[in-house]
Amino acid sequence: MSVSVAMAVCNGEAYLAAQIRSILPQLSAQDELIVSVDPSTDRTREVLDSFQDQIQVFEGPGKGVTANFANALSHCHNAVIFLCDQDDLWMPDKVKKVTAAFVPGVTVVMHDAKIIDADRKEIAPSFFAERHVKHGIYQNMMKNSYIGCCMAFRKELLDVILPFPKELPMHDQYIGIVGEMMGTSIFLPEPLLLYRRHGQNASAMHHADVKQMLIWRKQIYKAVKAAKKKVKQNDFSRNGRL
């Protein structure tokens, strides 16, 4: 099963090389690591250049992380697509174990992660336990369980999710919910990633007030409603595409 890794990068010098080195040994000749890089003020370009024969780099749109990921996804061609942040570390058997979970009908695979700090000291042994993750379209519209760095999905989802809707609050939440509409999502309990939590990558969701949360929920509901129409029009399962 061929793999595309979609990485969005901006000012990622500090941890980028280590992240790429944790990924490349897991990829075969048919796989691809796609990097969309937004304008950066640090040595991000130099880091990427040092891997130039092993990765594919594309200019990002410079319009934020969601647009940067959309650009990376638009260049992915393989059967299973992994979302990838610039500052985490993949466990050595992540690709093998995640791809094995894509039995017929499975559209999205999530796996657990250990949470570490900037110095790689463990903060929490399980993202799943901290977040109380669960399946369900409605449940994940109210409280998101899907985090991109722990997610992979079938390429057929691209026909539904791209282009991302305007004002989409979180691309990973959207992809996870659409995946549930198109098939089955699986949550693997094994931590296959070291999720690095530091000052520069703190999610806006942790700082949002109630009003902003309500706005985001309205936006994700609107996006999911539109995606549902696309899913019905394509009927992927009946057409044998999943």
C-alpha atoms as a PDB file:
ATOM      1  CA  MET A   1       0.000   0.000   0.000  1.00  0.00           C
ATOM      2  CA  SER A   2       1.713   3.192  -1.201  1.00  0.00           C
ATOM      3  CA  VAL A   3       2.067   6.140   1.166  1.00  0.00           C
ATOM      4  CA  SER A   4       2.139   9.917   0.838  1.00  0.00           C
ATOM      5  CA  VAL A   5       3.222  12.044   3.794  1.00  0.00           C
ATOM      6  CA  ALA A   6       1.838  15.596   3.695  1.00  0.00           C
ATOM      7  CA  MET A   7       3.906  17.983   5.803  1.00  0.00           C
ATOM      8  CA  ALA A   8       3.189  21.694   6.301  1.00  0.00           C
ATOM      9  CA  VAL A   9       6.235  23.726   7.319  1.00  0.00           C
ATOM     10  CA  CYS A  10       6.854  27.295   8.465  1.00  0.00           C
ATOM     11  CA  ASN A  11       9.767  28.442  10.634  1.00  0.00           C
ATOM     12  CA  GLY A  12      10.438  24.830  11.555  1.00  0.00           C
ATOM     13  CA  GLU A  13      14.224  24.868  11.886  1.00  0.00           C
ATOM     14  CA  ALA A  14      14.360  23.725  15.517  1.00  0.00           C
ATOM     15  CA  TYR A  15      12.853  20.246  15.121  1.00  0.00           C
ATOM     16  CA  LEU A  16      12.387  19.736  11.386  1.00  0.00           C
ATOM     17  CA  ALA A  17      15.493  17.669  10.618  1.00  0.00           C
ATOM     18  CA  ALA A  18      14.807  15.233  13.454  1.00  0.00           C
ATOM     19  CA  GLN A  19      11.218  14.809  12.300  1.00  0.00           C
ATOM     20  CA  ILE A  20      12.219  14.090   8.702  1.00  0.00           C
ATOM     21  CA  ARG A  21      14.871  11.613   9.848  1.00  0.00           C
ATOM     22  CA  SER A  22      12.231   9.751  11.855  1.00  0.00           C
ATOM     23  CA  ILE A  23      10.037   9.385   8.749  1.00  0.00           C
ATOM     24  CA  LEU A  24      12.315   8.584   5.818  1.00  0.00           C
ATOM     25  CA  PRO A  25      13.524   5.115   6.954  1.00  0.00           C
ATOM     26  CA  GLN A  26       9.879   3.979   7.010  1.00  0.00           C
ATOM     27  CA  LEU A  27       9.189   4.928   3.387  1.00  0.00           C
ATOM     28  CA  SER A  28       9.754   2.711   0.362  1.00  0.00           C
ATOM     29  CA  ALA A  29      10.776   3.775  -3.137  1.00  0.00           C
ATOM     30  CA  GLN A  30       7.145   4.184  -4.202  1.00  0.00           C
ATOM     31  CA  ASP A  31       6.295   6.423  -1.236  1.00  0.00           C
ATOM     32  CA  GLU A  32       6.632  10.200  -1.079  1.00  0.00           C
ATOM     33  CA  LEU A  33       7.231  12.902   1.516  1.00  0.00           C
ATOM     34  CA  ILE A  34       5.519  16.070   0.306  1.00  0.00           C
ATOM     35  CA  VAL A  35       6.502  19.336   2.008  1.00  0.00           C
ATOM     36  CA  SER A  36       4.629  22.602   1.568  1.00  0.00           C
ATOM     37  CA  VAL A  37       6.770  25.390   3.000  1.00  0.00           C
ATOM     38  CA  ASP A  38       5.436  28.848   3.787  1.00  0.00           C
ATOM     39  CA  PRO A  39       7.794  31.858   3.857  1.00  0.00           C
ATOM     40  CA  SER A  40      10.119  31.439   6.845  1.00  0.00           C
ATOM     41  CA  THR A  41      12.597  33.677   8.634  1.00  0.00           C
ATOM     42  CA  ASP A  42      14.824  30.947  10.075  1.00  0.00           C
ATOM     43  CA  ARG A  43      16.959  28.199   8.469  1.00  0.00           C
ATOM     44  CA  THR A  44      14.002  26.065   7.424  1.00  0.00           C
ATOM     45  CA  ARG A  45      15.041  26.204   3.754  1.00  0.00           C
ATOM     46  CA  GLU A  46      18.558  25.025   4.530  1.00  0.00           C
ATOM     47  CA  VAL A  47      17.201  22.081   6.502  1.00  0.00           C
ATOM     48  CA  LEU A  48      14.915  21.081   3.632  1.00  0.00           C
ATOM     49  CA  ASP A  49      17.736  21.473   1.113  1.00  0.00           C
ATOM     50  CA  SER A  50      19.793  18.935   3.057  1.00  0.00           C
ATOM     51  CA  PHE A  51      17.118  16.329   2.220  1.00  0.00           C
ATOM     52  CA  GLN A  52      16.510  17.504  -1.346  1.00  0.00           C
ATOM     53  CA  ASP A  53      16.995  14.082  -2.968  1.00  0.00           C
ATOM     54  CA  GLN A  54      14.583  12.378  -0.566  1.00  0.00           C
ATOM     55  CA  ILE A  55      11.642  14.777  -0.313  1.00  0.00           C
ATOM     56  CA  GLN A  56       9.493  16.912  -2.618  1.00  0.00           C
ATOM     57  CA  VAL A  57       9.223  20.580  -1.644  1.00  0.00           C
ATOM     58  CA  PHE A  58       6.523  22.960  -2.875  1.00  0.00           C
ATOM     59  CA  GLU A  59       6.022  26.656  -2.223  1.00  0.00           C
ATOM     60  CA  GLY A  60       3.268  27.279   0.313  1.00  0.00           C
ATOM     61  CA  PRO A  61       0.571  29.924  -0.178  1.00  0.00           C
ATOM     62  CA  GLY A  62       1.583  31.887   2.910  1.00  0.00           C
ATOM     63  CA  LYS A  63      -1.994  31.993   4.203  1.00  0.00           C
ATOM     64  CA  GLY A  64      -1.759  29.970   7.401  1.00  0.00           C
ATOM     65  CA  VAL A  65      -1.460  26.338   8.418  1.00  0.00           C
ATOM     66  CA  THR A  66      -4.744  25.097   6.927  1.00  0.00           C
ATOM     67  CA  ALA A  67      -3.945  26.526   3.494  1.00  0.00           C
ATOM     68  CA  ASN A  68      -0.410  25.168   3.786  1.00  0.00           C
ATOM     69  CA  PHE A  69      -1.715  21.651   4.453  1.00  0.00           C
ATOM     70  CA  ALA A  70      -4.206  21.967   1.594  1.00  0.00           C
ATOM     71  CA  ASN A  71      -1.306  22.750  -0.731  1.00  0.00           C
ATOM     72  CA  ALA A  72       0.651  19.715   0.474  1.00  0.00           C
ATOM     73  CA  LEU A  73      -2.386  17.458   0.061  1.00  0.00           C
ATOM     74  CA  SER A  74      -2.949  18.679  -3.489  1.00  0.00           C
ATOM     75  CA  HIS A  75       0.428  17.157  -4.446  1.00  0.00           C
ATOM     76  CA  CYS A  76      -0.184  13.730  -2.852  1.00  0.00           C
ATOM     77  CA  HIS A  77      -0.776  10.764  -5.177  1.00  0.00           C
ATOM     78  CA  ASN A  78      -0.559   7.551  -3.154  1.00  0.00           C
ATOM     79  CA  ALA A  79      -3.163   5.251  -1.610  1.00  0.00           C
ATOM     80  CA  VAL A  80      -2.796   6.328   2.015  1.00  0.00           C
ATOM     81  CA  ILE A  81      -2.028   9.868   3.126  1.00  0.00           C
ATOM     82  CA  PHE A  82      -0.431  10.752   6.459  1.00  0.00           C
ATOM     83  CA  LEU A  83      -0.707  14.264   7.872  1.00  0.00           C
ATOM     84  CA  CYS A  84       2.546  15.410   9.426  1.00  0.00           C
ATOM     85  CA  ASP A  85       3.608  18.339  11.600  1.00  0.00           C
ATOM     86  CA  GLN A  86       7.120  19.748  11.554  1.00  0.00           C
ATOM     87  CA  ASP A  87       8.081  19.257  15.186  1.00  0.00           C
ATOM     88  CA  ASP A  88       7.065  15.748  16.291  1.00  0.00           C
ATOM     89  CA  LEU A  89       8.855  12.385  16.052  1.00  0.00           C
ATOM     90  CA  TRP A  90       7.473   9.239  14.413  1.00  0.00           C
ATOM     91  CA  MET A  91       8.001   5.903  16.120  1.00  0.00           C
ATOM     92  CA  PRO A  92       9.923   3.430  13.901  1.00  0.00           C
ATOM     93  CA  ASP A  93       6.940   1.219  13.009  1.00  0.00           C
ATOM     94  CA  LYS A  94       4.262   3.882  12.594  1.00  0.00           C
ATOM     95  CA  VAL A  95       3.813   3.516   8.836  1.00  0.00           C
ATOM     96  CA  LYS A  96       3.730  -0.283   8.945  1.00  0.00           C
ATOM     97  CA  LYS A  97       1.163  -0.485  11.741  1.00  0.00           C
ATOM     98  CA  VAL A  98      -1.100   2.257  10.420  1.00  0.00           C
ATOM     99  CA  THR A  99      -1.221   0.987   6.841  1.00  0.00           C
ATOM    100  CA  ALA A 100      -1.999  -2.523   8.107  1.00  0.00           C
ATOM    101  CA  ALA A 101      -5.161  -1.123   9.707  1.00  0.00           C
ATOM    102  CA  PHE A 102      -6.601  -0.047   6.351  1.00  0.00           C
ATOM    103  CA  VAL A 103      -8.744  -3.089   5.711  1.00  0.00           C
ATOM    104  CA  PRO A 104     -11.651  -2.645   3.238  1.00  0.00           C
ATOM    105  CA  GLY A 105     -14.125  -0.037   4.444  1.00  0.00           C
ATOM    106  CA  VAL A 106     -11.694   1.780   6.743  1.00  0.00           C
ATOM    107  CA  THR A 107     -11.231   5.382   5.644  1.00  0.00           C
ATOM    108  CA  VAL A 108      -9.389   6.984   8.568  1.00  0.00           C
ATOM    109  CA  VAL A 109      -6.891   5.616  11.085  1.00  0.00           C
ATOM    110  CA  MET A 110      -5.941   7.474  14.256  1.00  0.00           C
ATOM    111  CA  HIS A 111      -3.242   6.296  16.653  1.00  0.00           C
ATOM    112  CA  ASP A 112      -2.291   7.350  20.154  1.00  0.00           C
ATOM    113  CA  ALA A 113       0.747   9.488  20.983  1.00  0.00           C
ATOM    114  CA  LYS A 114       2.989  10.249  23.919  1.00  0.00           C
ATOM    115  CA  ILE A 115       3.142  13.964  24.698  1.00  0.00           C
ATOM    116  CA  ILE A 116       6.613  15.430  25.191  1.00  0.00           C
ATOM    117  CA  ASP A 117       8.008  18.907  25.817  1.00  0.00           C
ATOM    118  CA  ALA A 118      10.573  20.886  23.846  1.00  0.00           C
ATOM    119  CA  ASP A 119      13.397  18.890  25.457  1.00  0.00           C
ATOM    120  CA  ARG A 120      11.735  15.526  24.733  1.00  0.00           C
ATOM    121  CA  LYS A 121      10.715  14.963  28.346  1.00  0.00           C
ATOM    122  CA  GLU A 122       7.418  13.104  28.679  1.00  0.00           C
ATOM    123  CA  ILE A 123       4.446  15.215  29.753  1.00  0.00           C
ATOM    124  CA  ALA A 124       1.734  12.583  29.367  1.00  0.00           C
ATOM    125  CA  PRO A 125       1.828   8.930  28.250  1.00  0.00           C
ATOM    126  CA  SER A 126      -1.374   9.077  26.185  1.00  0.00           C
ATOM    127  CA  PHE A 127      -2.996  11.765  24.058  1.00  0.00           C
ATOM    128  CA  PHE A 128      -6.096   9.567  23.839  1.00  0.00           C
ATOM    129  CA  ALA A 129      -6.465   9.487  27.626  1.00  0.00           C
ATOM    130  CA  GLU A 130      -5.850  13.210  27.999  1.00  0.00           C
ATOM    131  CA  ARG A 131      -8.339  14.124  25.281  1.00  0.00           C
ATOM    132  CA  HIS A 132     -10.890  11.349  25.986  1.00  0.00           C
ATOM    133  CA  VAL A 133     -11.100  10.563  22.278  1.00  0.00           C
ATOM    134  CA  LYS A 134     -14.132   8.831  20.827  1.00  0.00           C
ATOM    135  CA  HIS A 135     -15.851   8.041  17.539  1.00  0.00           C
ATOM    136  CA  GLY A 136     -18.952   9.796  16.268  1.00  0.00           C
ATOM    137  CA  ILE A 137     -19.686  12.612  13.850  1.00  0.00           C
ATOM    138  CA  TYR A 138     -21.756  14.652  16.299  1.00  0.00           C
ATOM    139  CA  GLN A 139     -19.376  14.007  19.189  1.00  0.00           C
ATOM    140  CA  ASN A 140     -16.414  15.225  17.148  1.00  0.00           C
ATOM    141  CA  MET A 141     -18.230  18.330  15.997  1.00  0.00           C
ATOM    142  CA  MET A 142     -18.744  19.234  19.662  1.00  0.00           C
ATOM    143  CA  LYS A 143     -15.344  18.082  20.947  1.00  0.00           C
ATOM    144  CA  ASN A 144     -12.699  17.121  18.439  1.00  0.00           C
ATOM    145  CA  SER A 145     -10.777  13.862  18.819  1.00  0.00           C
ATOM    146  CA  TYR A 146      -8.941  14.100  15.507  1.00  0.00           C
ATOM    147  CA  ILE A 147      -5.404  15.478  15.533  1.00  0.00           C
ATOM    148  CA  GLY A 148      -3.599  15.541  12.215  1.00  0.00           C
ATOM    149  CA  CYS A 149      -0.207  14.333  13.398  1.00  0.00           C
ATOM    150  CA  CYS A 150      -1.840  11.063  14.526  1.00  0.00           C
ATOM    151  CA  MET A 151      -4.016  10.607  11.453  1.00  0.00           C
ATOM    152  CA  ALA A 152      -3.879   8.844   8.086  1.00  0.00           C
ATOM    153  CA  PHE A 153      -6.642   8.491   5.523  1.00  0.00           C
ATOM    154  CA  ARG A 154      -7.419   7.056   2.098  1.00  0.00           C
ATOM    155  CA  LYS A 155      -6.664   9.297  -0.878  1.00  0.00           C
ATOM    156  CA  GLU A 156     -10.312   9.030  -2.013  1.00  0.00           C
ATOM    157  CA  LEU A 157     -11.176  11.549   0.698  1.00  0.00           C
ATOM    158  CA  LEU A 158      -9.328  14.222  -1.290  1.00  0.00           C
ATOM    159  CA  ASP A 159     -12.191  14.292  -3.805  1.00  0.00           C
ATOM    160  CA  VAL A 160     -14.483  15.432  -0.999  1.00  0.00           C
ATOM    161  CA  ILE A 161     -12.318  17.545   1.300  1.00  0.00           C
ATOM    162  CA  LEU A 162     -10.445  19.626  -1.293  1.00  0.00           C
ATOM    163  CA  PRO A 163     -10.594  22.482  -1.727  1.00  0.00           C
ATOM    164  CA  PHE A 164     -11.023  23.161   1.976  1.00  0.00           C
ATOM    165  CA  PRO A 165     -14.112  25.271   2.717  1.00  0.00           C
ATOM    166  CA  LYS A 166     -13.509  28.916   3.522  1.00  0.00           C
ATOM    167  CA  GLU A 167     -13.293  29.748   7.231  1.00  0.00           C
ATOM    168  CA  LEU A 168     -12.616  26.101   8.108  1.00  0.00           C
ATOM    169  CA  PRO A 169     -11.562  26.173  11.792  1.00  0.00           C
ATOM    170  CA  MET A 170      -9.552  22.910  11.842  1.00  0.00           C
ATOM    171  CA  HIS A 171      -8.614  20.805   8.829  1.00  0.00           C
ATOM    172  CA  ASP A 172      -7.886  17.652  10.846  1.00  0.00           C
ATOM    173  CA  GLN A 173     -11.273  17.717  12.564  1.00  0.00           C
ATOM    174  CA  TYR A 174     -12.932  18.168   9.171  1.00  0.00           C
ATOM    175  CA  ILE A 175     -10.987  15.308   7.556  1.00  0.00           C
ATOM    176  CA  GLY A 176     -11.756  12.954  10.434  1.00  0.00           C
ATOM    177  CA  ILE A 177     -15.488  13.663  10.357  1.00  0.00           C
ATOM    178  CA  VAL A 178     -15.675  13.339   6.568  1.00  0.00           C
ATOM    179  CA  GLY A 179     -13.826  10.041   6.867  1.00  0.00           C
ATOM    180  CA  GLU A 180     -16.480   8.786   9.275  1.00  0.00           C
ATOM    181  CA  MET A 181     -19.191   9.771   6.793  1.00  0.00           C
ATOM    182  CA  MET A 182     -17.463   7.846   4.009  1.00  0.00           C
ATOM    183  CA  GLY A 183     -16.610   4.696   5.935  1.00  0.00           C
ATOM    184  CA  THR A 184     -15.129   3.593   9.234  1.00  0.00           C
ATOM    185  CA  SER A 185     -12.539   5.265  11.439  1.00  0.00           C
ATOM    186  CA  ILE A 186     -10.226   3.169  13.607  1.00  0.00           C
ATOM    187  CA  PHE A 187      -8.426   4.347  16.736  1.00  0.00           C
ATOM    188  CA  LEU A 188      -5.223   2.393  17.411  1.00  0.00           C
ATOM    189  CA  PRO A 189      -4.345   2.447  21.147  1.00  0.00           C
ATOM    190  CA  GLU A 190      -0.586   2.186  20.611  1.00  0.00           C
ATOM    191  CA  PRO A 191       1.419   5.445  20.791  1.00  0.00           C
ATOM    192  CA  LEU A 192       3.145   5.689  17.412  1.00  0.00           C
ATOM    193  CA  LEU A 193       4.264   9.310  17.738  1.00  0.00           C
ATOM    194  CA  LEU A 194       6.041  11.597  20.158  1.00  0.00           C
ATOM    195  CA  TYR A 195       3.816  14.669  20.065  1.00  0.00           C
ATOM    196  CA  ARG A 196       5.911  17.696  20.948  1.00  0.00           C
ATOM    197  CA  ARG A 197       4.062  20.389  22.876  1.00  0.00           C
ATOM    198  CA  HIS A 198       5.886  23.703  23.147  1.00  0.00           C
ATOM    199  CA  GLY A 199       5.160  27.421  23.150  1.00  0.00           C
ATOM    200  CA  GLN A 200       5.292  27.873  19.396  1.00  0.00           C
ATOM    201  CA  ASN A 201       2.751  25.166  18.531  1.00  0.00           C
ATOM    202  CA  ALA A 202       0.077  25.801  21.156  1.00  0.00           C
ATOM    203  CA  SER A 203      -3.324  25.386  19.540  1.00  0.00           C
ATOM    204  CA  ALA A 204      -5.637  28.368  19.320  1.00  0.00           C
ATOM    205  CA  MET A 205      -8.347  26.057  20.651  1.00  0.00           C
ATOM    206  CA  HIS A 206      -6.712  26.176  24.084  1.00  0.00           C
ATOM    207  CA  HIS A 207      -7.087  29.963  24.210  1.00  0.00           C
ATOM    208  CA  ALA A 208     -10.522  30.454  22.642  1.00  0.00           C
ATOM    209  CA  ASP A 209     -13.434  31.911  24.587  1.00  0.00           C
ATOM    210  CA  VAL A 210     -16.965  30.519  24.495  1.00  0.00           C
ATOM    211  CA  LYS A 211     -18.064  32.878  21.728  1.00  0.00           C
ATOM    212  CA  GLN A 212     -15.190  31.831  19.463  1.00  0.00           C
ATOM    213  CA  MET A 213     -15.867  28.158  20.150  1.00  0.00           C
ATOM    214  CA  LEU A 214     -19.487  28.606  19.075  1.00  0.00           C
ATOM    215  CA  ILE A 215     -18.366  30.323  15.869  1.00  0.00           C
ATOM    216  CA  TRP A 216     -15.980  27.459  15.079  1.00  0.00           C
ATOM    217  CA  ARG A 217     -18.678  24.862  15.708  1.00  0.00           C
ATOM    218  CA  LYS A 218     -21.008  26.688  13.351  1.00  0.00           C
ATOM    219  CA  GLN A 219     -18.277  26.777  10.701  1.00  0.00           C
ATOM    220  CA  ILE A 220     -17.427  23.077  11.016  1.00  0.00           C
ATOM    221  CA  TYR A 221     -21.130  22.180  10.881  1.00  0.00           C
ATOM    222  CA  LYS A 222     -21.488  24.159   7.655  1.00  0.00           C
ATOM    223  CA  ALA A 223     -18.408  22.491   6.149  1.00  0.00           C
ATOM    224  CA  VAL A 224     -19.542  18.984   7.121  1.00  0.00           C
ATOM    225  CA  LYS A 225     -23.033  19.591   5.733  1.00  0.00           C
ATOM    226  CA  ALA A 226     -21.559  20.561   2.356  1.00  0.00           C
ATOM    227  CA  ALA A 227     -19.213  17.561   2.410  1.00  0.00           C
ATOM    228  CA  LYS A 228     -22.136  15.232   3.071  1.00  0.00           C
ATOM    229  CA  LYS A 229     -23.656  16.239  -0.266  1.00  0.00           C
ATOM    230  CA  LYS A 230     -20.400  15.399  -2.048  1.00  0.00           C
ATOM    231  CA  VAL A 231     -20.251  11.993  -0.362  1.00  0.00           C
ATOM    232  CA  LYS A 232     -23.797  11.162  -1.474  1.00  0.00           C
ATOM    233  CA  GLN A 233     -23.084  12.286  -5.036  1.00  0.00           C
ATOM    234  CA  ASN A 234     -19.975  10.108  -5.335  1.00  0.00           C
ATOM    235  CA  ASP A 235     -21.150   7.070  -3.311  1.00  0.00           C
ATOM    236  CA  PHE A 236     -17.596   5.757  -2.965  1.00  0.00           C
ATOM    237  CA  SER A 237     -18.441   2.436  -1.302  1.00  0.00           C
ATOM    238  CA  ARG A 238     -20.998   1.443  -3.923  1.00  0.00           C
ATOM    239  CA  ASN A 239     -18.550   2.310  -6.680  1.00  0.00           C
ATOM    240  CA  GLY A 240     -15.939   0.037  -5.128  1.00  0.00           C
ATOM    241  CA  ARG A 241     -13.471   2.822  -4.414  1.00  0.00           C
ATOM    242  CA  LEU A 242     -13.061   2.092  -0.706  1.00  0.00           C
END
